[in-house]
Amino acid sequence: MRALHRLIHALPRAIDAELVREQGLPLVEYLTLMNLSEAPGRRLRMSELATACEMSLSGMSRVVQKLEAQGFVQRIRCEQDGRGWNAVLTDAGLARLEQAWPTNLAATRRHFLDHLAGLDLEELAAAMRKIAT
């Protein structure tokens, strides 16, 4: 359990440090762009995006505001009810994500996957998904 606790905190910090150093893009911003890129129409309601990124709505609003200022995300009113807001990934945001992706992948491999040699990664992924739900 102690090792798991350390991993939960150390792994994101290590990946974040590499993304910031090599790309100038914090992990939370990378994850925001990634989640939007995988969403239908590259858009998510702000509350859904916050949940996907494991953040509070106010924290997510600050991240999106920063990404919006850089032209990577656009906020638009929800068409369904007109009260909420959607975050929409722009073409520039997708390009920025694609630029940062190799750094994220290399960091994930170096700090996590390379340490799992000999394990069944599909089985491990299935177990992690089960735990997460």
C-alpha atoms as a PDB file:
ATOM      1  CA  MET A   1       0.000   0.000   0.000  1.00  0.00           C
ATOM      2  CA  ARG A   2       2.863   2.397   0.732  1.00  0.00           C
ATOM      3  CA  ALA A   3       4.331   1.778  -2.702  1.00  0.00           C
ATOM      4  CA  LEU A   4       0.953   2.398  -4.312  1.00  0.00           C
ATOM      5  CA  HIS A   5       0.536   5.638  -2.374  1.00  0.00           C
ATOM      6  CA  ARG A   6       3.982   6.832  -3.500  1.00  0.00           C
ATOM      7  CA  LEU A   7       3.220   5.845  -7.100  1.00  0.00           C
ATOM      8  CA  ILE A   8      -0.075   7.745  -7.115  1.00  0.00           C
ATOM      9  CA  HIS A   9       1.783  10.925  -6.207  1.00  0.00           C
ATOM     10  CA  ALA A  10       5.211  10.418  -7.770  1.00  0.00           C
ATOM     11  CA  LEU A  11       4.203   9.297 -11.264  1.00  0.00           C
ATOM     12  CA  PRO A  12       2.129  12.362 -12.200  1.00  0.00           C
ATOM     13  CA  ARG A  13       4.814  14.667 -10.756  1.00  0.00           C
ATOM     14  CA  ALA A  14       7.538  12.970 -12.810  1.00  0.00           C
ATOM     15  CA  ILE A  15       5.522  13.131 -16.036  1.00  0.00           C
ATOM     16  CA  ASP A  16       4.531  16.737 -15.309  1.00  0.00           C
ATOM     17  CA  ALA A  17       8.171  17.736 -14.776  1.00  0.00           C
ATOM     18  CA  GLU A  18       9.187  16.306 -18.159  1.00  0.00           C
ATOM     19  CA  LEU A  19       6.246  17.885 -19.982  1.00  0.00           C
ATOM     20  CA  VAL A  20       6.984  21.278 -18.446  1.00  0.00           C
ATOM     21  CA  ARG A  21      10.736  21.019 -19.096  1.00  0.00           C
ATOM     22  CA  GLU A  22      10.494  19.784 -22.687  1.00  0.00           C
ATOM     23  CA  GLN A  23       7.181  21.245 -23.847  1.00  0.00           C
ATOM     24  CA  GLY A  24       6.308  24.072 -21.456  1.00  0.00           C
ATOM     25  CA  LEU A  25       2.982  22.293 -20.972  1.00  0.00           C
ATOM     26  CA  PRO A  26       1.897  21.091 -17.516  1.00  0.00           C
ATOM     27  CA  LEU A  27       0.345  17.636 -17.258  1.00  0.00           C
ATOM     28  CA  VAL A  28      -3.057  19.060 -16.274  1.00  0.00           C
ATOM     29  CA  GLU A  29      -3.146  21.073 -19.506  1.00  0.00           C
ATOM     30  CA  TYR A  30      -2.003  18.052 -21.523  1.00  0.00           C
ATOM     31  CA  LEU A  31      -4.759  15.924 -19.964  1.00  0.00           C
ATOM     32  CA  THR A  32      -7.328  18.636 -20.700  1.00  0.00           C
ATOM     33  CA  LEU A  33      -6.331  18.739 -24.369  1.00  0.00           C
ATOM     34  CA  MET A  34      -6.238  14.927 -24.511  1.00  0.00           C
ATOM     35  CA  ASN A  35      -9.708  14.488 -23.039  1.00  0.00           C
ATOM     36  CA  LEU A  36     -11.136  17.068 -25.426  1.00  0.00           C
ATOM     37  CA  SER A  37      -9.423  15.399 -28.396  1.00  0.00           C
ATOM     38  CA  GLU A  38     -11.137  12.100 -27.553  1.00  0.00           C
ATOM     39  CA  ALA A  39     -14.607  13.593 -27.027  1.00  0.00           C
ATOM     40  CA  PRO A  40     -17.280  13.647 -29.743  1.00  0.00           C
ATOM     41  CA  GLY A  41     -16.861  16.840 -31.729  1.00  0.00           C
ATOM     42  CA  ARG A  42     -13.762  17.578 -29.605  1.00  0.00           C
ATOM     43  CA  ARG A  43     -16.058  19.183 -27.004  1.00  0.00           C
ATOM     44  CA  LEU A  44     -17.128  18.488 -23.454  1.00  0.00           C
ATOM     45  CA  ARG A  45     -19.312  20.273 -20.975  1.00  0.00           C
ATOM     46  CA  MET A  46     -17.045  21.936 -18.409  1.00  0.00           C
ATOM     47  CA  SER A  47     -18.335  19.716 -15.593  1.00  0.00           C
ATOM     48  CA  GLU A  48     -17.662  16.575 -17.662  1.00  0.00           C
ATOM     49  CA  LEU A  49     -14.162  17.803 -18.485  1.00  0.00           C
ATOM     50  CA  ALA A  50     -13.478  18.494 -14.815  1.00  0.00           C
ATOM     51  CA  THR A  51     -14.587  14.970 -13.919  1.00  0.00           C
ATOM     52  CA  ALA A  52     -12.474  13.450 -16.704  1.00  0.00           C
ATOM     53  CA  CYS A  53      -9.408  15.335 -15.430  1.00  0.00           C
ATOM     54  CA  GLU A  54     -10.154  14.556 -11.759  1.00  0.00           C
ATOM     55  CA  MET A  55     -10.465  18.271 -10.935  1.00  0.00           C
ATOM     56  CA  SER A  56     -12.941  20.620  -9.354  1.00  0.00           C
ATOM     57  CA  LEU A  57     -15.053  22.721 -11.702  1.00  0.00           C
ATOM     58  CA  SER A  58     -13.371  25.922 -10.514  1.00  0.00           C
ATOM     59  CA  GLY A  59      -9.915  24.422 -11.040  1.00  0.00           C
ATOM     60  CA  MET A  60     -10.883  23.229 -14.487  1.00  0.00           C
ATOM     61  CA  SER A  61     -12.236  26.680 -15.326  1.00  0.00           C
ATOM     62  CA  ARG A  62      -8.835  28.188 -14.548  1.00  0.00           C
ATOM     63  CA  VAL A  63      -7.038  25.633 -16.724  1.00  0.00           C
ATOM     64  CA  VAL A  64      -9.454  26.167 -19.625  1.00  0.00           C
ATOM     65  CA  GLN A  65      -9.171  29.933 -19.268  1.00  0.00           C
ATOM     66  CA  LYS A  66      -5.385  29.658 -19.662  1.00  0.00           C
ATOM     67  CA  LEU A  67      -5.707  27.325 -22.654  1.00  0.00           C
ATOM     68  CA  GLU A  68      -8.313  29.624 -24.178  1.00  0.00           C
ATOM     69  CA  ALA A  69      -5.923  32.585 -23.907  1.00  0.00           C
ATOM     70  CA  GLN A  70      -3.390  30.554 -25.914  1.00  0.00           C
ATOM     71  CA  GLY A  71      -5.948  29.687 -28.587  1.00  0.00           C
ATOM     72  CA  PHE A  72      -6.001  25.965 -27.761  1.00  0.00           C
ATOM     73  CA  VAL A  73      -9.537  25.814 -26.380  1.00  0.00           C
ATOM     74  CA  GLN A  74     -12.697  27.805 -26.993  1.00  0.00           C
ATOM     75  CA  ARG A  75     -15.622  28.050 -24.580  1.00  0.00           C
ATOM     76  CA  ILE A  76     -19.110  28.143 -26.032  1.00  0.00           C
ATOM     77  CA  ARG A  77     -22.585  28.044 -24.479  1.00  0.00           C
ATOM     78  CA  CYS A  78     -24.196  24.613 -24.242  1.00  0.00           C
ATOM     79  CA  GLU A  79     -26.756  24.238 -26.988  1.00  0.00           C
ATOM     80  CA  GLN A  80     -28.916  21.892 -24.880  1.00  0.00           C
ATOM     81  CA  ASP A  81     -29.773  24.252 -22.045  1.00  0.00           C
ATOM     82  CA  GLY A  82     -27.973  27.551 -22.616  1.00  0.00           C
ATOM     83  CA  ARG A  83     -26.818  27.688 -18.994  1.00  0.00           C
ATOM     84  CA  GLY A  84     -23.631  25.681 -19.043  1.00  0.00           C
ATOM     85  CA  TRP A  85     -20.473  25.976 -21.074  1.00  0.00           C
ATOM     86  CA  ASN A  86     -18.672  23.577 -23.357  1.00  0.00           C
ATOM     87  CA  ALA A  87     -14.920  23.514 -23.828  1.00  0.00           C
ATOM     88  CA  VAL A  88     -14.011  22.900 -27.465  1.00  0.00           C
ATOM     89  CA  LEU A  89     -10.562  21.870 -28.664  1.00  0.00           C
ATOM     90  CA  THR A  90      -9.364  24.118 -31.495  1.00  0.00           C
ATOM     91  CA  ASP A  91      -7.180  22.991 -34.388  1.00  0.00           C
ATOM     92  CA  ALA A  92      -4.276  24.801 -32.689  1.00  0.00           C
ATOM     93  CA  GLY A  93      -5.024  22.871 -29.486  1.00  0.00           C
ATOM     94  CA  LEU A  94      -4.983  19.567 -31.336  1.00  0.00           C
ATOM     95  CA  ALA A  95      -1.670  20.508 -32.966  1.00  0.00           C
ATOM     96  CA  ARG A  96      -0.255  21.411 -29.528  1.00  0.00           C
ATOM     97  CA  LEU A  97      -1.391  18.066 -28.133  1.00  0.00           C
ATOM     98  CA  GLU A  98       0.209  16.215 -31.045  1.00  0.00           C
ATOM     99  CA  GLN A  99       3.434  18.153 -30.468  1.00  0.00           C
ATOM    100  CA  ALA A 100       3.526  17.198 -26.771  1.00  0.00           C
ATOM    101  CA  TRP A 101       2.378  13.597 -27.210  1.00  0.00           C
ATOM    102  CA  PRO A 102       5.840  12.061 -27.810  1.00  0.00           C
ATOM    103  CA  THR A 103       7.170  13.649 -24.614  1.00  0.00           C
ATOM    104  CA  ASN A 104       4.226  12.327 -22.599  1.00  0.00           C
ATOM    105  CA  LEU A 105       4.611   8.869 -24.099  1.00  0.00           C
ATOM    106  CA  ALA A 106       8.367   8.751 -23.454  1.00  0.00           C
ATOM    107  CA  ALA A 107       7.905   9.924 -19.862  1.00  0.00           C
ATOM    108  CA  THR A 108       5.127   7.386 -19.264  1.00  0.00           C
ATOM    109  CA  ARG A 109       7.305   4.618 -20.629  1.00  0.00           C
ATOM    110  CA  ARG A 110      10.377   5.668 -18.661  1.00  0.00           C
ATOM    111  CA  HIS A 111       8.632   6.233 -15.336  1.00  0.00           C
ATOM    112  CA  PHE A 112       6.025   3.457 -15.497  1.00  0.00           C
ATOM    113  CA  LEU A 113       5.867   0.964 -18.350  1.00  0.00           C
ATOM    114  CA  ASP A 114       9.583   0.111 -18.425  1.00  0.00           C
ATOM    115  CA  HIS A 115       9.268  -1.062 -14.818  1.00  0.00           C
ATOM    116  CA  LEU A 116       6.573  -3.585 -15.711  1.00  0.00           C
ATOM    117  CA  ALA A 117       8.654  -5.893 -17.905  1.00  0.00           C
ATOM    118  CA  GLY A 118       7.292  -9.414 -17.861  1.00  0.00           C
ATOM    119  CA  LEU A 119       3.815  -8.462 -16.656  1.00  0.00           C
ATOM    120  CA  ASP A 120       0.692  -8.914 -18.749  1.00  0.00           C
ATOM    121  CA  LEU A 121      -0.074  -5.252 -19.480  1.00  0.00           C
ATOM    122  CA  GLU A 122      -3.566  -5.963 -20.831  1.00  0.00           C
ATOM    123  CA  GLU A 123      -4.447  -7.752 -17.606  1.00  0.00           C
ATOM    124  CA  LEU A 124      -2.936  -4.938 -15.547  1.00  0.00           C
ATOM    125  CA  ALA A 125      -4.872  -2.307 -17.535  1.00  0.00           C
ATOM    126  CA  ALA A 126      -8.111  -4.241 -17.044  1.00  0.00           C
ATOM    127  CA  ALA A 127      -7.472  -4.441 -13.297  1.00  0.00           C
ATOM    128  CA  MET A 128      -6.731  -0.691 -13.107  1.00  0.00           C
ATOM    129  CA  ARG A 129      -9.950   0.113 -14.997  1.00  0.00           C
ATOM    130  CA  LYS A 130     -11.887  -2.100 -12.592  1.00  0.00           C
ATOM    131  CA  ILE A 131     -10.331  -0.392  -9.572  1.00  0.00           C
ATOM    132  CA  ALA A 132     -11.025   3.070 -11.046  1.00  0.00           C
ATOM    133  CA  THR A 133     -14.725   2.297 -11.391  1.00  0.00           C
END
